[in-house]
C-alpha atoms as a PDB file:
ATOM      1  CA  MET A   1     -23.637   3.527 -10.285  1.00  0.00           C
ATOM      2  CA  THR A   2     -25.332   2.567  -7.083  1.00  0.00           C
ATOM      3  CA  GLN A   3     -23.601   2.130  -3.793  1.00  0.00           C
ATOM      4  CA  THR A   4     -24.229  -1.620  -3.668  1.00  0.00           C
ATOM      5  CA  ALA A   5     -24.366  -3.956  -6.621  1.00  0.00           C
ATOM      6  CA  LEU A   6     -27.284  -6.373  -6.855  1.00  0.00           C
ATOM      7  CA  ILE A   7     -25.128  -9.237  -7.968  1.00  0.00           C
ATOM      8  CA  ARG A   8     -21.858  -9.340  -6.184  1.00  0.00           C
ATOM      9  CA  PRO A   9     -19.711 -12.210  -4.966  1.00  0.00           C
ATOM     10  CA  ALA A  10     -21.535 -12.681  -1.638  1.00  0.00           C
ATOM     11  CA  TRP A  11     -24.442 -14.613  -0.229  1.00  0.00           C
ATOM     12  CA  THR A  12     -27.243 -12.161  -1.051  1.00  0.00           C
ATOM     13  CA  PRO A  13     -30.843 -13.059  -1.730  1.00  0.00           C
ATOM     14  CA  ALA A  14     -30.317 -12.147  -5.367  1.00  0.00           C
ATOM     15  CA  THR A  15     -27.317 -14.332  -5.916  1.00  0.00           C
ATOM     16  CA  ILE A  16     -28.867 -17.183  -3.992  1.00  0.00           C
ATOM     17  CA  ALA A  17     -31.967 -16.941  -6.127  1.00  0.00           C
ATOM     18  CA  LEU A  18     -29.865 -16.868  -9.313  1.00  0.00           C
ATOM     19  CA  MET A  19     -27.897 -19.881  -8.195  1.00  0.00           C
ATOM     20  CA  VAL A  20     -31.076 -21.947  -7.386  1.00  0.00           C
ATOM     21  CA  LEU A  21     -32.698 -20.800 -10.707  1.00  0.00           C
ATOM     22  CA  GLY A  22     -29.398 -21.803 -12.549  1.00  0.00           C
ATOM     23  CA  PHE A  23     -29.495 -25.231 -11.010  1.00  0.00           C
ATOM     24  CA  MET A  24     -33.081 -25.579 -11.971  1.00  0.00           C
ATOM     25  CA  VAL A  25     -32.618 -24.502 -15.609  1.00  0.00           C
ATOM     26  CA  PHE A  26     -29.225 -25.985 -16.416  1.00  0.00           C
ATOM     27  CA  TRP A  27     -27.010 -27.284 -13.620  1.00  0.00           C
ATOM     28  CA  PRO A  28     -23.720 -25.787 -15.051  1.00  0.00           C
ATOM     29  CA  LEU A  29     -25.203 -22.345 -14.712  1.00  0.00           C
ATOM     30  CA  GLY A  30     -26.049 -22.988 -10.991  1.00  0.00           C
ATOM     31  CA  LEU A  31     -22.488 -24.287 -10.468  1.00  0.00           C
ATOM     32  CA  ALA A  32     -21.063 -21.290 -12.122  1.00  0.00           C
ATOM     33  CA  MET A  33     -23.079 -18.916  -9.871  1.00  0.00           C
ATOM     34  CA  LEU A  34     -21.945 -20.885  -6.900  1.00  0.00           C
ATOM     35  CA  ALA A  35     -18.329 -20.539  -7.937  1.00  0.00           C
ATOM     36  CA  TYR A  36     -18.879 -16.789  -8.443  1.00  0.00           C
ATOM     37  CA  ILE A  37     -20.389 -16.391  -4.968  1.00  0.00           C
ATOM     38  CA  ILE A  38     -17.514 -18.303  -3.319  1.00  0.00           C
ATOM     39  CA  TRP A  39     -14.491 -17.099  -5.399  1.00  0.00           C
ATOM     40  CA  GLY A  40     -15.852 -14.066  -7.127  1.00  0.00           C
ATOM     41  CA  ASP A  41     -13.880 -11.649  -4.957  1.00  0.00           C
ATOM     42  CA  ARG A  42     -10.640 -13.161  -6.276  1.00  0.00           C
ATOM     43  CA  LEU A  43     -11.472 -12.289  -9.841  1.00  0.00           C
ATOM     44  CA  ASP A  44      -9.600  -8.943  -9.682  1.00  0.00           C
ATOM     45  CA  GLU A  45      -6.359 -10.820  -8.655  1.00  0.00           C
ATOM     46  CA  PHE A  46      -6.960 -13.369 -11.310  1.00  0.00           C
ATOM     47  CA  LYS A  47      -7.414 -10.799 -13.912  1.00  0.00           C
ATOM     48  CA  ALA A  48      -4.212  -9.021 -12.842  1.00  0.00           C
ATOM     49  CA  ASP A  49      -2.313 -12.445 -12.896  1.00  0.00           C
ATOM     50  CA  VAL A  50      -3.697 -13.129 -16.465  1.00  0.00           C
ATOM     51  CA  ASN A  51      -2.718  -9.535 -17.589  1.00  0.00           C
ATOM     52  CA  ARG A  52       0.796 -10.144 -16.154  1.00  0.00           C
ATOM     53  CA  ALA A  53       1.240 -13.481 -17.824  1.00  0.00           C
ATOM     54  CA  THR A  54       0.000 -12.075 -21.061  1.00  0.00           C
ATOM     55  CA  ASP A  55       2.335  -9.150 -20.815  1.00  0.00           C
ATOM     56  CA  ASP A  56       5.230 -11.500 -20.078  1.00  0.00           C
ATOM     57  CA  PHE A  57       4.276 -13.668 -23.063  1.00  0.00           C
ATOM     58  CA  THR A  58       4.055 -10.746 -25.486  1.00  0.00           C
ATOM     59  CA  SER A  59       7.339  -9.240 -24.196  1.00  0.00           C
ATOM     60  CA  VAL A  60       9.066 -12.072 -26.141  1.00  0.00           C
ATOM     61  CA  PHE A  61       7.551 -10.750 -29.325  1.00  0.00           C
ATOM     62  CA  ARG A  62       8.451  -7.120 -28.388  1.00  0.00           C
ATOM     63  CA  LYS A  63      12.052  -8.271 -27.865  1.00  0.00           C
ATOM     64  CA  ASN A  64      12.050  -9.909 -31.253  1.00  0.00           C
ATOM     65  CA  ARG A  65      10.585  -6.721 -32.851  1.00  0.00           C
ATOM     66  CA  HIS A  66      13.467  -4.788 -31.282  1.00  0.00           C
ATOM     67  CA  CYS A  67      15.880  -7.307 -32.949  1.00  0.00           C
ATOM     68  CA  MET A  68      14.121  -6.841 -36.201  1.00  0.00           C
ATOM     69  CA  ARG A  69      14.597  -3.082 -35.958  1.00  0.00           C
ATOM     70  CA  SER A  70      18.437  -3.409 -36.254  1.00  0.00           C
ATOM     71  CA  THR A  71      18.116  -5.121 -39.673  1.00  0.00           C
ATOM     72  CA  GLY A  72      16.527  -1.967 -41.178  1.00  0.00           C
ATOM     73  CA  SER A  73      14.743  -1.445 -44.397  1.00  0.00           C
ATOM     74  CA  GLY A  74      17.617   0.196 -46.177  1.00  0.00           C
ATOM     75  CA  ASN A  75      16.136   3.651 -46.031  1.00  0.00           C
ATOM     76  CA  ALA A  76      17.765   5.495 -43.120  1.00  0.00           C
ATOM     77  CA  ALA A  77      15.065   8.193 -42.783  1.00  0.00           C
ATOM     78  CA  PHE A  78      12.313   5.561 -42.778  1.00  0.00           C
ATOM     79  CA  ASP A  79      14.223   3.518 -40.156  1.00  0.00           C
ATOM     80  CA  GLU A  80      14.734   6.612 -37.926  1.00  0.00           C
ATOM     81  CA  TRP A  81      10.956   7.474 -38.244  1.00  0.00           C
ATOM     82  CA  ARG A  82       9.879   3.928 -37.590  1.00  0.00           C
ATOM     83  CA  ASP A  83      12.126   3.654 -34.530  1.00  0.00           C
ATOM     84  CA  SER A  84      10.860   6.974 -33.108  1.00  0.00           C
ATOM     85  CA  GLU A  85       7.236   5.947 -33.718  1.00  0.00           C
ATOM     86  CA  LEU A  86       7.685   2.576 -32.092  1.00  0.00           C
ATOM     87  CA  SER A  87       9.456   4.052 -29.029  1.00  0.00           C
ATOM     88  CA  ARG A  88       6.624   6.642 -28.831  1.00  0.00           C
ATOM     89  CA  LEU A  89       4.067   3.847 -28.931  1.00  0.00           C
ATOM     90  CA  ASP A  90       5.936   1.893 -26.216  1.00  0.00           C
ATOM     91  CA  GLU A  91       5.877   5.049 -24.090  1.00  0.00           C
ATOM     92  CA  GLU A  92       2.179   5.550 -24.596  1.00  0.00           C
ATOM     93  CA  ARG A  93       1.617   1.850 -23.682  1.00  0.00           C
ATOM     94  CA  LYS A  94       3.581   2.275 -20.553  1.00  0.00           C
ATOM     95  CA  LYS A  95       1.531   5.380 -19.690  1.00  0.00           C
ATOM     96  CA  LEU A  96      -1.714   3.467 -20.263  1.00  0.00           C
ATOM     97  CA  ASP A  97      -0.596   0.517 -18.114  1.00  0.00           C
ATOM     98  CA  GLU A  98       0.237   2.875 -15.325  1.00  0.00           C
ATOM     99  CA  MET A  99      -3.122   4.625 -15.657  1.00  0.00           C
ATOM    100  CA  ARG A 100      -4.888   1.280 -15.597  1.00  0.00           C
ATOM    101  CA  ARG A 101      -2.978   0.209 -12.425  1.00  0.00           C
ATOM    102  CA  GLU A 102      -3.958   3.560 -10.819  1.00  0.00           C
ATOM    103  CA  PHE A 103      -7.545   3.178 -11.785  1.00  0.00           C
ATOM    104  CA  ASP A 104      -7.718  -0.445 -10.503  1.00  0.00           C
ATOM    105  CA  GLN A 105      -6.217   0.808  -7.155  1.00  0.00           C
ATOM    106  CA  HIS A 106      -8.763   3.619  -7.089  1.00  0.00           C
ATOM    107  CA  MET A 107     -11.611   1.191  -7.553  1.00  0.00           C
ATOM    108  CA  ARG A 108     -10.244  -1.072  -4.799  1.00  0.00           C
ATOM    109  CA  ASP A 109     -10.067   1.916  -2.547  1.00  0.00           C
ATOM    110  CA  LEU A 110     -13.671   2.995  -3.404  1.00  0.00           C
ATOM    111  CA  ARG A 111     -14.908  -0.549  -2.683  1.00  0.00           C
ATOM    112  CA  MET A 112     -12.978  -0.568   0.641  1.00  0.00           C
ATOM    113  CA  ALA A 113     -14.526   2.773   1.589  1.00  0.00           C
ATOM    114  CA  ARG A 114     -17.987   1.563   0.739  1.00  0.00           C
ATOM    115  CA  ASP A 115     -17.463  -1.695   2.690  1.00  0.00           C
ATOM    116  CA  ARG A 116     -16.138   0.327   5.685  1.00  0.00           C
ATOM    117  CA  GLU A 117     -19.202   2.719   5.432  1.00  0.00           C
ATOM    118  CA  GLU A 118     -21.578  -0.230   5.345  1.00  0.00           C
ATOM    119  CA  PHE A 119     -19.863  -1.849   8.319  1.00  0.00           C
ATOM    120  CA  ASN A 120     -19.913   1.290  10.316  1.00  0.00           C
ATOM    121  CA  ARG A 121     -23.567   1.812   9.517  1.00  0.00           C
ATOM    122  CA  PHE A 122     -24.283  -1.856  10.568  1.00  0.00           C
ATOM    123  CA  MET A 123     -22.472  -1.327  13.824  1.00  0.00           C
ATOM    124  CA  ALA A 124     -24.198   1.948  14.593  1.00  0.00           C
ATOM    125  CA  ASP A 125     -27.597   0.223  13.876  1.00  0.00           C
ATOM    126  CA  ARG A 126     -26.583  -2.682  16.054  1.00  0.00           C
ATOM    127  CA  LYS A 127     -25.619  -0.362  18.977  1.00  0.00           C
ATOM    128  CA  ALA A 128     -28.849   1.600  18.601  1.00  0.00           C
ATOM    129  CA  SER A 129     -30.864  -1.713  18.559  1.00  0.00           C
ATOM    130  CA  GLN A 130     -28.996  -2.934  21.635  1.00  0.00           C
ATOM    131  CA  ALA A 131     -29.625   0.386  23.371  1.00  0.00           C
ATOM    132  CA  ARG A 132     -33.328   0.209  22.652  1.00  0.00           C
ATOM    133  CA  THR A 133     -33.535  -3.370  23.852  1.00  0.00           C
ATOM    134  CA  SER A 134     -31.461  -2.755  27.016  1.00  0.00           C
ATOM    135  CA  GLY A 135     -33.487   0.306  27.751  1.00  0.00           C
ATOM    136  CA  SER A 136     -36.770  -1.552  27.566  1.00  0.00           C
ATOM    137  CA  VAL A 137     -35.747  -4.321  29.987  1.00  0.00           C
ATOM    138  CA  PRO A 138     -36.628  -3.424  33.571  1.00  0.00           C
ATOM    139  CA  ASP A 139     -33.673  -3.309  36.013  1.00  0.00           C
ATOM    140  CA  PHE A 140     -34.624  -5.344  39.060  1.00  0.00           C
ATOM    141  CA  ASN A 141     -31.217  -4.893  40.729  1.00  0.00           C
ATOM    142  CA  ALA A 142     -32.064  -1.261  41.732  1.00  0.00           C
END
């Protein structure tokens, strides 16, 4: 993985070229690219909201499944095994969800560190550029 993505939600030459090309080929493609440039940085939040809504929606079915457990199959050993397997699967899902949240946070931290490093490099280059230009201008006040 490179340090900077070629296509990211920002006004880069690549995204502008893709947007213009999209408008030339088929206008909805250009419009989609424009939307990505403007609102693409919010996709992570949108994805998290969709995941949360989906989890809330599916929790209804999980609750119903728990209610169905109480009816049983008539075989006590099978019911006990099924309940233990379902609870084990629920625990595994919780662990996976936690790992996903940790990974998403790690990726946000990496992006923040990359952005911070790019900004610091920009500021250092800017200072160096200003130092060169201010050094080359003669001082007539002396």
